Amino acid sequence: MSFPTHRPRRLRRTEALRGLVRETRLSTAGFIYPMFVCPGHEGAPGSQLHAGVHQQSVDQIVEECRESSR
């Protein structure tokens, strides 16, 4: 297979299109921080399905969100 002689520029015409075909770049904005909420005022013990995963009450989740956004 030879190198193409014609290189169409249609995929790079606008910034929006260039963003769609650009190489993947990782940043902290692309990560998800999973939180598990339980009713009440005190967190429940760890989940039985996943080791190390803990449920937290709403008041604890609010504080966790503040800390994680710093």
Protein backbone atom coordinates (compact mmCIF):
# COMPACT_ATOMS: atom_id res chain seq x y z
CA MET A 1 0.00 0.00 0.00
CA SER A 2 1.46 3.35 -1.00
CA PHE A 3 1.18 6.70 0.72
CA PRO A 4 -1.89 8.67 -0.44
CA THR A 5 -1.11 11.36 -3.00
CA HIS A 6 -4.19 13.42 -2.13
CA ARG A 7 -4.72 14.54 1.48
CA PRO A 8 -8.22 15.98 1.92
CA ARG A 9 -8.37 18.94 4.30
CA ARG A 10 -12.11 18.79 4.93
CA LEU A 11 -11.59 17.30 8.39
CA ARG A 12 -9.46 20.25 9.44
CA ARG A 13 -11.51 23.14 8.06
CA THR A 14 -12.94 24.47 11.37
CA GLU A 15 -11.77 24.33 14.99
CA ALA A 16 -14.80 22.19 15.91
CA LEU A 17 -13.91 19.58 13.27
CA ARG A 18 -10.23 19.67 14.22
CA GLY A 19 -11.24 18.99 17.83
CA LEU A 20 -13.15 15.89 16.77
CA VAL A 21 -10.28 14.33 14.81
CA ARG A 22 -7.43 15.48 17.07
CA GLU A 23 -5.37 12.94 18.98
CA THR A 24 -6.70 11.97 22.39
CA ARG A 25 -5.29 13.99 25.27
CA LEU A 26 -5.79 13.19 28.91
CA SER A 27 -6.49 15.89 31.46
CA THR A 28 -8.00 16.01 34.92
CA ALA A 29 -11.21 17.40 33.40
CA GLY A 30 -11.84 14.04 31.74
CA PHE A 31 -11.74 11.89 34.86
CA ILE A 32 -14.72 10.84 36.97
CA TYR A 33 -14.61 10.74 40.76
CA PRO A 34 -17.13 8.09 41.87
CA MET A 35 -19.03 8.77 45.09
CA PHE A 36 -21.63 6.55 46.70
CA VAL A 37 -24.35 8.23 48.77
CA CYS A 38 -26.48 6.66 51.49
CA PRO A 39 -29.34 8.24 53.45
CA GLY A 40 -28.73 9.50 56.96
CA HIS A 41 -26.13 11.58 58.71
CA GLU A 42 -23.32 9.06 59.13
CA GLY A 43 -21.64 7.03 56.43
CA ALA A 44 -22.47 3.37 56.08
CA PRO A 45 -19.76 0.71 56.25
CA GLY A 46 -17.98 -0.31 53.04
CA SER A 47 -19.89 -1.78 50.17
CA GLN A 48 -20.01 -5.55 50.16
CA LEU A 49 -19.66 -5.62 46.38
CA HIS A 50 -16.41 -3.66 46.10
CA ALA A 51 -13.52 -3.74 48.51
CA GLY A 52 -12.41 -0.29 49.63
CA VAL A 53 -15.60 1.44 48.44
CA HIS A 54 -17.48 3.32 51.12
CA GLN A 55 -20.87 4.95 51.11
CA GLN A 56 -21.14 8.41 52.61
CA SER A 57 -24.05 10.50 53.83
CA VAL A 58 -25.07 13.67 52.01
CA ASP A 59 -23.27 15.96 54.48
CA GLN A 60 -20.06 13.96 54.07
CA ILE A 61 -20.39 13.98 50.27
CA VAL A 62 -20.68 17.78 50.24
CA GLU A 63 -17.43 18.08 52.21
CA GLU A 64 -15.74 15.50 49.96
CA CYS A 65 -16.78 17.51 46.86
CA ARG A 66 -15.25 20.65 48.34
CA GLU A 67 -11.97 18.85 49.03
CA SER A 68 -11.80 17.14 45.63
CA SER A 69 -12.37 20.37 43.70
CA ARG A 70 -9.31 22.07 45.22
